Every structure is written in C-alpha cells, then in structure tokens.
Amino acid sequence: MNITEAINYIEGTHKFGTRLGLESMKNLLNEMGNPQDKLKFIHVAGTNGKGSTSAMIAATLKNAGYKTGLFTSPFLENFNERIQLNNVPIDDESLVAATSFVKERIEVLLTQGEPHPTEFEMVTAVGLQYFYEKRADIVVLEVGLGGRLDATNIIKDPVAVVIMSISLDHTDYLGETVAEVAFEKASIIKEGSDVVVYPQDPEALKVILDFAKSKNASVILADPKDISIESFDGHSQTLKYLGDHLDLDTFQLKLLGSHQSLNCLTALEVIALLIKKGYHINSDHIKTALSAVTFPGRFEIFLESPVVLIDGAHNSNGIQAFVKNMNRYFPGKTINLYFGMLADKDIEVSLSFLVPIATTIHTLTPNSDRAMPAETMAALIHDSYRKTVDFYDTMDAAVKSIDLTKKDEVNVFVGSLYMIGEARTLIRKNLM
C-alpha cells in the first residue's frame, strides 16, 4: 500500500455513511489492542472554536516539552493535517503503516460478520494507532460530530474535558434545540472528569452543568471578564489575562479576531488545570506558543494590498463572528465576498449577517455532496435581497477574478471548510 492507496482506502469508506454509535468503534479498537487505553487525552467538543482552541492547547504543551498529539477534522488542503504530532502532520510512511494495520484488523472483523467502520471511525482509529506507536505524552482530541455517540467518545478517562461554544448545527443528528445539542456535546464528560467550559448561553450552560453534576465532575467556567483585548493589527492581537489561575499578564496572540480572545481564555483555563495536575508549563511556554500558533483557514490574511483573506465560518454563529471581525478590522471598506455553504446549514440566518457588509457577492459550490449549488445560492440572495450576484463554476476562476490593482478593496472567501481549503491552495499558488 502506498500513500495514494491508503488515502483512497480511507476516503472510500465514505460510502458507509455516517453511523453514530460506539459499538463498531469498540470492536475495532478491541481488535487493535485498545491503543486509546494507553494514552492520555484532552477531549474537546463544541459547535465553534474547537479547532482553534485545540491548536492553542497543543502548541503550549509542545512548547513545554511534551510530545503532543493533535486530532482535528476536517482537513483543509492535505489529509495528513488531521493527525499531527508536535504540530507536524503525520508523514506519508507512518500514515500508510497505520492505515495498513487498521485495514488488516477491519478485514478480520468483516469475516466475523461485523459492519464496516465508517470513514470517521477509520480516521480516528488510524490517529489513535499513530499516537500510540509514537508514544505521545498527551493527545488533544477533537470530537467529530456531537459527542455522545461520536467515535472519539470511546476514550475512558480524559485528563480534561473542554466544552466550547454551543449552537444549533447538524440538527438532523444532534437535535433541534440548543438544549438537545448541548446534551449531546456534554456527554463526553466522564465520571469524575475535570471540565472547562467556554462562556455559554444560559440554556446550554444549564444542560452542561446538570450533566457534569450527574457525573460528579468538577467544572471551571471561563469568565469573559478574565481577558481583554488591548490592541490589534493585521498580524496579531495583544491580550491581557485578568484571571487568577495563571501567572500571566499581557501576551501576543497570532490568531486574529475578537472571538479568538474567548477561545484563548478557554485554552488558558485548560492549561491552568494541567499545571494544577502536575504538568510543568510556565508563562514563557504559554507566551511563546500563543505568539506563534496558527490555525489555517480562520480569518487568515494572505495579502494586505489589496486584502485577500479566507475564513472557514461554516454556520450562522461562525458567520456572525466573522462579520463582527470584518467591521472591526476593515470598517468602511469595499468588500468583495466569495461565498459557499452546505445546504443543511442555516443559510438564511447566515445571509442576514453577510449580505449587508458585502459590496459585491460571488457564490461558489463547496466540494461536498451536501453543498448548495452556486447558482441556487446566487438566486436565493438575489430574490431575498435584490442584489446582483454572480456565481463561479470553479474556484480557480473565482481566485483569478480578483483584481490586484484595486489596492483598497477587501476580497474575502468565507463559508464551508470544503471550499476554504481549495481557495487557500489556489490563492497561495496564483496570488503570492
């Protein structure tokens, strides 16, 4: 098996669809010797902010000298991004070896009449095997979908549980109210867990606290008053930690956007918890890590004259945060918006935030069978807002349409991560 065959095999399991539940994952990991039971985890769930917060925690642990795994989804440009060790994506040779190992175990299960694991179960198993083989000290493990029945919830006793911002998303799987979604995500809390919770709306918070109480879990609530934004520019922002859990004052955060301050605060509370548990992390480790940490595809600026940026805001809450940042960083600017979204997201609410800031609008079709076609999106925007909208059949055509002579304009690709990754590749290839 070579790298192409390995990735084709993994992605080929997409045909088995999405199947929530832990029985198949349990059977597969049992056959693999349960590598997850030999690892330590920080388990991260939520609707928005999981990826950025996980990246900040992982970068800090790595900077403190811990061999740190990071498991996230989906990838932007390269499959290997999903499984990282010390902020370096899994190399092709290791990915092939872990995939081959998992494939052999799956074939044994199939002869026993067990169902084939789903794509996400397969990827999770490959990641766990890799982290075990590399003897990771700790793994920051991001939930794929929901929490309660997500494949990652097979782990038993996490060092810390993190619940990020919760809002309506994937309602066909997770429920139609914020309370129902919160229950699914809070269900990664295990008996006696230590839990850090991002600032939530009251409905979600009550569910999380009730579930934590039922599990005799200790809860740390991130308090927005414990962080302030002192200044910002197009490269980083200066934040000040005002809490009493860390010996930390003013520091730089490379990740842009006001929403990242609360993500960062949540990460800092996790780090404070780890220190309390005996992890050797000091303020220099934290400051150095946060001043350099990156998370591609989140309010990521490539050019400044004219501005070209991308943002993987893929649901209405993410879009609202994106618009807030646009008004903050680029007030009064001409905004050329390139937009695409999955049809099962809250598109109408997202458009109510997006359309008012856009001077021109161009629509695209994300690379997913769940995508709303660009032409359909363009018609929806035109009919609802009486704005002229054009659409592109390819991302290449969209990127090449940017007029680099118009130095004062802001060109923004926003929406589905299935679209943002392709945009990132072509922007770097054609414009930089």
Protein backbone atom coordinates (compact mmCIF):
# COMPACT_ATOMS: atom_id res chain seq x y z
CA MET A 1 0.00 0.00 0.00
CA ASN A 2 1.34 3.44 -0.94
CA ILE A 3 0.10 6.83 0.27
CA THR A 4 -2.38 7.26 -2.59
CA GLU A 5 -3.83 3.81 -1.95
CA ALA A 6 -4.01 4.48 1.78
CA ILE A 7 -5.94 7.73 1.41
CA ASN A 8 -8.18 6.24 -1.29
CA TYR A 9 -8.97 3.36 1.05
CA ILE A 10 -9.83 5.69 3.93
CA GLU A 11 -11.92 8.05 1.80
CA GLY A 12 -13.56 5.08 0.10
CA THR A 13 -15.19 4.20 3.41
CA HIS A 14 -17.30 7.35 2.93
CA LYS A 15 -19.78 5.06 1.17
CA PHE A 16 -20.66 3.55 4.55
CA GLY A 17 -22.14 6.92 5.54
CA THR A 18 -22.44 8.45 8.99
CA ARG A 19 -23.33 5.98 11.71
CA LEU A 20 -23.45 7.38 15.22
CA GLY A 21 -22.74 4.91 17.99
CA LEU A 22 -19.75 3.35 19.74
CA GLU A 23 -20.20 -0.39 19.20
CA SER A 24 -18.37 -0.57 15.87
CA MET A 25 -15.54 1.61 17.20
CA LYS A 26 -15.29 -0.53 20.33
CA ASN A 27 -14.99 -3.71 18.25
CA LEU A 28 -12.33 -2.22 16.01
CA LEU A 29 -10.20 -0.88 18.87
CA ASN A 30 -10.50 -4.18 20.74
CA GLU A 31 -9.14 -5.93 17.65
CA MET A 32 -6.31 -3.35 17.57
CA GLY A 33 -5.34 -3.95 21.21
CA ASN A 34 -7.05 -0.78 22.51
CA PRO A 35 -4.30 1.77 21.87
CA GLN A 36 -6.52 4.51 23.33
CA ASP A 37 -6.26 2.96 26.79
CA LYS A 38 -2.51 3.59 26.75
CA LEU A 39 -2.79 7.32 26.00
CA LYS A 40 -3.80 10.49 27.85
CA PHE A 41 -6.34 12.86 26.31
CA ILE A 42 -7.78 16.35 26.40
CA HIS A 43 -11.20 15.84 24.82
CA VAL A 44 -12.72 18.87 23.06
CA ALA A 45 -16.35 19.24 21.92
CA GLY A 46 -18.47 22.18 20.77
CA THR A 47 -20.06 23.81 17.74
CA ASN A 48 -17.48 26.54 17.12
CA GLY A 49 -13.94 27.15 18.32
CA LYS A 50 -12.85 23.52 18.78
CA GLY A 51 -10.05 23.67 16.23
CA SER A 52 -8.51 26.99 17.29
CA THR A 53 -8.65 26.14 20.98
CA SER A 54 -7.22 22.68 20.41
CA ALA A 55 -4.37 24.21 18.40
CA MET A 56 -3.55 26.65 21.23
CA ILE A 57 -3.55 23.92 23.88
CA ALA A 58 -1.43 21.60 21.72
CA ALA A 59 1.08 24.32 20.85
CA THR A 60 1.54 25.20 24.52
CA LEU A 61 2.05 21.58 25.57
CA LYS A 62 4.53 21.02 22.76
CA ASN A 63 6.39 24.18 23.74
CA ALA A 64 6.58 22.92 27.32
CA GLY A 65 8.37 19.79 26.09
CA TYR A 66 5.52 17.28 25.91
CA LYS A 67 5.19 15.03 22.88
CA THR A 68 1.72 16.21 21.89
CA GLY A 69 -0.78 14.67 19.52
CA LEU A 70 -3.48 16.73 17.83
CA PHE A 71 -6.50 15.17 16.13
CA THR A 72 -8.82 17.52 14.23
CA SER A 73 -11.27 17.47 11.33
CA PRO A 74 -11.80 18.16 8.56
CA PHE A 75 -8.53 18.93 6.78
CA LEU A 76 -8.11 21.99 4.57
CA GLU A 77 -5.55 21.08 1.93
CA ASN A 78 -3.92 17.78 2.83
CA PHE A 79 -5.37 14.73 4.54
CA ASN A 80 -2.31 14.39 6.80
CA GLU A 81 -3.27 17.63 8.60
CA ARG A 82 -5.91 15.74 10.59
CA ILE A 83 -3.34 13.77 12.59
CA GLN A 84 -0.41 15.77 13.99
CA LEU A 85 2.42 15.19 16.42
CA ASN A 86 4.15 18.25 17.86
CA ASN A 87 2.33 20.40 15.30
CA VAL A 88 3.71 18.35 12.37
CA PRO A 89 1.22 16.42 10.18
CA ILE A 90 1.66 12.66 10.07
CA ASP A 91 4.22 11.69 7.43
CA ASP A 92 3.17 9.54 4.48
CA GLU A 93 5.11 6.47 5.61
CA SER A 94 3.50 6.49 9.07
CA LEU A 95 0.05 7.11 7.59
CA VAL A 96 0.45 4.14 5.26
CA ALA A 97 1.69 1.90 8.11
CA ALA A 98 -1.15 2.83 10.49
CA THR A 99 -3.77 2.53 7.74
CA SER A 100 -2.46 -0.90 6.72
CA PHE A 101 -2.58 -2.05 10.35
CA VAL A 102 -6.17 -0.83 10.81
CA LYS A 103 -7.25 -2.29 7.46
CA GLU A 104 -6.00 -5.73 8.50
CA ARG A 105 -7.99 -5.54 11.72
CA ILE A 106 -11.11 -4.45 9.82
CA GLU A 107 -10.80 -7.41 7.46
CA VAL A 108 -10.79 -9.75 10.47
CA LEU A 109 -13.97 -8.12 11.78
CA LEU A 110 -15.68 -8.39 8.40
CA THR A 111 -15.08 -12.15 8.35
CA GLN A 112 -16.90 -12.23 11.70
CA GLY A 113 -19.92 -10.52 10.18
CA GLU A 114 -19.30 -7.11 11.75
CA PRO A 115 -20.24 -3.97 9.76
CA HIS A 116 -17.52 -1.97 8.06
CA PRO A 117 -16.41 1.07 10.10
CA THR A 118 -17.34 4.50 8.77
CA GLU A 119 -14.79 6.94 7.37
CA PHE A 120 -14.56 8.91 10.61
CA GLU A 121 -14.19 5.72 12.66
CA MET A 122 -11.40 4.67 10.32
CA VAL A 123 -9.59 8.01 10.60
CA THR A 124 -9.97 8.02 14.39
CA ALA A 125 -8.54 4.50 14.63
CA VAL A 126 -5.59 5.44 12.41
CA GLY A 127 -4.88 8.51 14.54
CA LEU A 128 -5.04 6.58 17.82
CA GLN A 129 -2.73 3.90 16.47
CA TYR A 130 -0.21 6.51 15.29
CA PHE A 131 -0.21 8.38 18.61
CA TYR A 132 0.26 5.08 20.45
CA GLU A 133 3.15 3.98 18.21
CA LYS A 134 4.85 7.37 18.66
CA ARG A 135 4.33 7.25 22.45
CA ALA A 136 2.61 10.62 22.63
CA ASP A 137 2.61 12.08 26.14
CA ILE A 138 -0.84 13.57 25.62
CA VAL A 139 -3.34 13.94 22.77
CA VAL A 140 -5.68 16.86 22.15
CA LEU A 141 -8.64 15.02 20.66
CA GLU A 142 -11.34 16.97 18.83
CA VAL A 143 -14.82 15.48 18.58
CA GLY A 144 -16.05 14.87 15.04
CA LEU A 145 -19.84 15.19 15.38
CA GLY A 146 -21.73 15.86 18.59
CA GLY A 147 -20.08 13.91 21.37
CA ARG A 148 -22.23 11.24 23.00
CA LEU A 149 -22.13 8.85 20.04
CA ASP A 150 -19.02 10.22 18.35
CA ALA A 151 -16.21 7.75 17.65
CA THR A 152 -13.80 9.76 19.82
CA ASN A 153 -16.00 9.18 22.87
CA ILE A 154 -14.55 5.69 23.15
CA ILE A 155 -11.85 7.11 25.43
CA LYS A 156 -12.38 6.38 29.13
CA ASP A 157 -10.72 8.88 31.46
CA PRO A 158 -9.59 12.16 29.86
CA VAL A 159 -7.16 14.43 31.68
CA ALA A 160 -9.52 17.29 30.84
CA VAL A 161 -12.82 17.76 29.02
CA VAL A 162 -13.41 21.01 27.13
CA ILE A 163 -16.86 22.18 26.01
CA MET A 164 -16.65 25.03 23.52
CA SER A 165 -19.37 27.34 22.16
CA ILE A 166 -22.64 25.52 21.51
CA SER A 167 -25.30 26.49 18.97
CA LEU A 168 -27.64 24.76 16.54
CA ASP A 169 -25.78 22.67 13.98
CA HIS A 170 -26.24 19.20 12.46
CA THR A 171 -29.80 19.28 13.79
CA ASP A 172 -30.67 16.11 11.86
CA TYR A 173 -28.27 14.21 14.15
CA LEU A 174 -27.98 16.27 17.32
CA GLY A 175 -31.44 17.69 17.98
CA GLU A 176 -33.46 20.76 17.10
CA THR A 177 -32.90 22.82 20.26
CA VAL A 178 -29.76 24.22 21.85
CA ALA A 179 -30.52 22.14 24.95
CA GLU A 180 -30.58 18.91 22.91
CA VAL A 181 -27.32 19.80 21.16
CA ALA A 182 -25.72 20.72 24.49
CA PHE A 183 -26.66 17.34 25.94
CA GLU A 184 -25.00 15.51 23.05
CA LYS A 185 -21.80 17.51 23.46
CA ALA A 186 -21.75 17.44 27.26
CA SER A 187 -21.96 13.66 27.08
CA ILE A 188 -18.20 13.38 26.60
CA ILE A 189 -17.95 14.19 30.33
CA LYS A 190 -16.99 11.04 32.21
CA GLU A 191 -17.38 10.13 35.88
CA GLY A 192 -15.19 12.47 37.95
CA SER A 193 -13.97 14.48 34.93
CA ASP A 194 -12.38 17.91 35.19
CA VAL A 195 -14.28 20.13 32.76
CA VAL A 196 -13.51 23.55 31.32
CA VAL A 197 -16.50 25.34 29.77
CA TYR A 198 -16.42 28.19 27.26
CA PRO A 199 -18.88 31.04 28.05
CA GLN A 200 -22.31 29.68 27.03
CA ASP A 201 -25.83 30.94 26.71
CA PRO A 202 -27.93 30.03 29.78
CA GLU A 203 -29.87 27.22 28.08
CA ALA A 204 -26.73 25.34 27.03
CA LEU A 205 -24.91 26.05 30.29
CA LYS A 206 -27.69 24.58 32.44
CA VAL A 207 -27.59 21.33 30.47
CA ILE A 208 -23.79 21.12 30.74
CA LEU A 209 -23.79 21.82 34.49
CA ASP A 210 -26.60 19.33 35.13
CA PHE A 211 -24.80 16.64 33.18
CA ALA A 212 -21.50 17.39 34.92
CA LYS A 213 -23.24 17.12 38.31
CA SER A 214 -24.67 13.73 37.34
CA LYS A 215 -21.11 12.56 36.65
CA ASN A 216 -19.61 14.11 39.82
CA ALA A 217 -17.44 16.22 37.54
CA SER A 218 -15.63 19.41 38.55
CA VAL A 219 -16.40 22.40 36.32
CA ILE A 220 -14.33 25.50 35.57
CA LEU A 221 -16.30 28.24 33.81
CA ALA A 222 -14.25 30.54 31.59
CA ASP A 223 -15.25 34.10 32.57
CA PRO A 224 -15.14 36.73 29.78
CA LYS A 225 -14.10 39.31 32.38
CA ASP A 226 -10.80 37.45 32.75
CA ILE A 227 -9.46 38.52 29.35
CA SER A 228 -9.27 41.81 27.47
CA ILE A 229 -8.12 42.87 24.03
CA GLU A 230 -5.54 45.63 24.47
CA SER A 231 -4.76 46.24 20.78
CA PHE A 232 -4.75 44.54 17.40
CA ASP A 233 -3.40 44.83 13.89
CA GLY A 234 -3.37 42.69 10.76
CA HIS A 235 -0.80 40.28 12.17
CA SER A 236 -1.68 39.63 15.82
CA GLN A 237 -3.56 40.96 18.81
CA THR A 238 -2.37 41.89 22.28
CA LEU A 239 -4.41 40.28 25.04
CA LYS A 240 -4.31 40.66 28.80
CA TYR A 241 -5.16 37.82 31.17
CA LEU A 242 -7.03 39.15 34.19
CA GLY A 243 -7.82 35.88 35.93
CA ASP A 244 -6.11 34.41 38.97
CA HIS A 245 -5.39 30.88 37.73
CA LEU A 246 -2.15 31.73 35.89
CA ASP A 247 0.89 33.93 36.42
CA LEU A 248 0.27 35.70 33.12
CA ASP A 249 -0.35 39.30 32.20
CA THR A 250 -0.05 40.73 28.68
CA PHE A 251 0.78 38.50 25.71
CA GLN A 252 0.50 38.28 21.93
CA LEU A 253 -1.93 36.01 20.10
CA LYS A 254 -1.24 35.40 16.44
CA LEU A 255 -4.79 34.20 15.74
CA LEU A 256 -6.92 37.13 14.62
CA GLY A 257 -10.49 38.00 15.52
CA SER A 258 -12.20 39.11 18.70
CA HIS A 259 -13.81 35.67 19.07
CA GLN A 260 -10.32 34.20 19.45
CA SER A 261 -9.88 36.02 22.75
CA LEU A 262 -12.55 33.81 24.36
CA ASN A 263 -11.18 30.71 22.65
CA CYS A 264 -7.78 31.67 24.04
CA LEU A 265 -9.21 32.23 27.52
CA THR A 266 -10.71 28.74 27.44
CA ALA A 267 -7.35 27.30 26.37
CA LEU A 268 -5.64 29.19 29.21
CA GLU A 269 -8.07 27.73 31.75
CA VAL A 270 -7.26 24.25 30.40
CA ILE A 271 -3.54 24.99 30.74
CA ALA A 272 -4.07 26.22 34.31
CA LEU A 273 -5.87 22.96 35.09
CA LEU A 274 -3.00 20.95 33.62
CA ILE A 275 -0.50 22.87 35.77
CA LYS A 276 -2.62 22.07 38.81
CA LYS A 277 -2.46 18.41 37.81
CA GLY A 278 1.34 18.49 37.75
CA TYR A 279 2.19 19.41 34.16
CA HIS A 280 5.28 21.62 34.01
CA ILE A 281 4.16 24.63 31.98
CA ASN A 282 5.35 28.17 32.70
CA SER A 283 4.38 31.61 31.42
CA ASP A 284 7.19 31.66 28.86
CA HIS A 285 5.94 28.39 27.36
CA ILE A 286 2.47 29.90 27.07
CA LYS A 287 3.51 33.26 25.65
CA THR A 288 5.88 31.81 23.07
CA ALA A 289 3.31 29.27 21.91
CA LEU A 290 0.42 31.74 21.58
CA SER A 291 2.52 34.33 19.76
CA ALA A 292 3.28 31.76 17.05
CA VAL A 293 0.28 29.42 16.91
CA THR A 294 -1.57 29.27 13.62
CA PHE A 295 -4.80 27.63 12.56
CA PRO A 296 -5.13 27.84 8.77
CA GLY A 297 -8.42 28.94 7.31
CA ARG A 298 -9.64 31.02 10.26
CA PHE A 299 -9.60 34.74 9.45
CA GLU A 300 -6.35 34.13 7.63
CA ILE A 301 -4.93 37.11 5.72
CA PHE A 302 -2.67 36.39 2.72
CA LEU A 303 -2.29 39.80 1.08
CA GLU A 304 -2.73 43.27 2.51
CA SER A 305 -2.91 45.46 -0.61
CA PRO A 306 -5.46 44.52 -1.73
CA VAL A 307 -6.54 42.41 1.20
CA VAL A 308 -7.18 38.76 0.41
CA LEU A 309 -8.39 36.59 3.28
CA ILE A 310 -10.26 33.37 3.96
CA ASP A 311 -12.43 32.29 6.86
CA GLY A 312 -13.98 28.88 7.41
CA ALA A 313 -17.07 30.26 9.13
CA HIS A 314 -19.45 27.46 8.16
CA ASN A 315 -22.54 28.07 10.31
CA SER A 316 -24.56 31.09 11.38
CA ASN A 317 -22.70 31.63 14.67
CA GLY A 318 -19.37 31.48 12.87
CA ILE A 319 -20.65 33.88 10.21
CA GLN A 320 -21.80 36.32 12.89
CA ALA A 321 -18.32 36.29 14.46
CA PHE A 322 -16.76 36.74 11.03
CA VAL A 323 -18.91 39.81 10.28
CA LYS A 324 -18.03 41.31 13.65
CA ASN A 325 -14.35 40.93 12.81
CA MET A 326 -14.79 42.42 9.34
CA ASN A 327 -16.43 45.51 10.84
CA ARG A 328 -13.61 45.71 13.36
CA TYR A 329 -10.65 45.28 11.03
CA PHE A 330 -12.00 46.76 7.77
CA PRO A 331 -14.63 49.42 8.57
CA GLY A 332 -15.97 51.26 5.52
CA LYS A 333 -14.01 49.14 3.03
CA THR A 334 -15.27 47.76 -0.28
CA ILE A 335 -15.91 44.08 0.39
CA ASN A 336 -15.87 41.55 -2.46
CA LEU A 337 -17.49 38.45 -0.98
CA TYR A 338 -16.96 34.92 -2.29
CA PHE A 339 -19.37 32.61 -0.50
CA GLY A 340 -20.43 28.97 -0.44
CA MET A 341 -22.20 26.87 2.18
CA LEU A 342 -23.62 23.42 2.78
CA ALA A 343 -27.36 23.18 2.21
CA ASP A 344 -28.02 21.70 5.66
CA LYS A 345 -26.65 24.79 7.44
CA ASP A 346 -28.71 27.81 8.50
CA ILE A 347 -28.14 29.69 5.26
CA GLU A 348 -30.86 32.34 5.60
CA VAL A 349 -29.62 33.47 9.04
CA SER A 350 -26.04 33.47 7.75
CA LEU A 351 -27.01 35.64 4.80
CA SER A 352 -28.77 38.12 7.07
CA PHE A 353 -25.36 38.85 8.63
CA LEU A 354 -23.24 38.59 5.47
CA VAL A 355 -25.16 40.43 2.78
CA PRO A 356 -25.22 43.86 4.49
CA ILE A 357 -21.41 44.09 4.61
CA ALA A 358 -20.82 42.96 1.01
CA THR A 359 -20.31 45.37 -1.88
CA THR A 360 -20.26 42.57 -4.46
CA ILE A 361 -21.21 38.94 -3.98
CA HIS A 362 -19.94 35.87 -5.83
CA THR A 363 -21.15 32.36 -5.00
CA LEU A 364 -19.35 29.02 -5.21
CA THR A 365 -20.23 25.36 -4.73
CA PRO A 366 -18.28 23.67 -1.90
CA ASN A 367 -16.79 20.28 -2.73
CA SER A 368 -19.40 18.22 -0.89
CA ASP A 369 -22.50 16.28 -1.83
CA ARG A 370 -24.27 18.36 0.84
CA ALA A 371 -23.39 21.68 -0.83
CA MET A 372 -25.91 24.24 -2.03
CA PRO A 373 -25.08 24.79 -5.73
CA ALA A 374 -23.58 28.20 -6.51
CA GLU A 375 -26.33 29.05 -8.96
CA THR A 376 -29.04 28.21 -6.40
CA MET A 377 -27.28 30.31 -3.76
CA ALA A 378 -26.97 33.24 -6.17
CA ALA A 379 -30.67 33.08 -6.97
CA LEU A 380 -31.59 32.92 -3.28
CA ILE A 381 -29.53 36.02 -2.48
CA HIS A 382 -30.91 37.92 -5.48
CA ASP A 383 -34.52 37.05 -4.67
CA SER A 384 -34.21 37.79 -0.94
CA TYR A 385 -32.04 40.93 -1.08
CA ARG A 386 -32.44 42.25 -4.65
CA LYS A 387 -28.68 42.28 -5.05
CA THR A 388 -26.81 41.41 -8.21
CA VAL A 389 -24.93 38.18 -7.64
CA ASP A 390 -22.72 36.18 -9.95
CA PHE A 391 -21.51 32.63 -9.48
CA TYR A 392 -18.42 30.67 -10.46
CA ASP A 393 -18.25 27.09 -11.65
CA THR A 394 -14.69 26.66 -10.35
CA MET A 395 -12.59 28.01 -7.52
CA ASP A 396 -9.78 28.67 -9.97
CA ALA A 397 -11.97 31.10 -11.92
CA ALA A 398 -13.05 32.82 -8.69
CA VAL A 399 -9.49 33.34 -7.45
CA LYS A 400 -8.34 34.61 -10.84
CA SER A 401 -11.19 37.14 -10.87
CA ILE A 402 -9.56 39.14 -8.04
CA ASP A 403 -8.31 42.49 -9.33
CA LEU A 404 -4.94 43.05 -7.65
CA THR A 405 -4.78 46.63 -8.94
CA LYS A 406 -7.65 47.69 -6.65
CA LYS A 407 -5.45 48.11 -3.60
CA ASP A 408 -8.12 49.41 -1.23
CA GLU A 409 -10.56 46.54 -1.67
CA VAL A 410 -11.02 43.52 0.58
CA ASN A 411 -11.51 40.14 -1.10
CA VAL A 412 -12.97 37.52 1.22
CA PHE A 413 -13.62 33.81 0.77
CA VAL A 414 -15.93 32.65 3.54
CA GLY A 415 -18.09 29.62 4.23
CA SER A 416 -17.75 25.87 4.13
CA LEU A 417 -14.40 24.34 5.01
CA TYR A 418 -14.88 22.11 1.96
CA MET A 419 -14.49 25.30 -0.09
CA ILE A 420 -11.95 27.20 2.01
CA GLY A 421 -9.21 24.61 1.66
CA GLU A 422 -9.36 24.77 -2.14
CA ALA A 423 -9.39 28.56 -2.02
CA ARG A 424 -6.31 28.54 0.22
CA THR A 425 -4.37 26.33 -2.17
CA LEU A 426 -5.20 28.44 -5.24
CA ILE A 427 -4.63 31.80 -3.54
CA ARG A 428 -1.15 30.73 -2.49
CA LYS A 429 -0.46 29.33 -5.96
CA ASN A 430 -1.81 32.20 -8.07
CA LEU A 431 -1.56 35.36 -5.97
CA MET A 432 1.52 35.01 -3.77
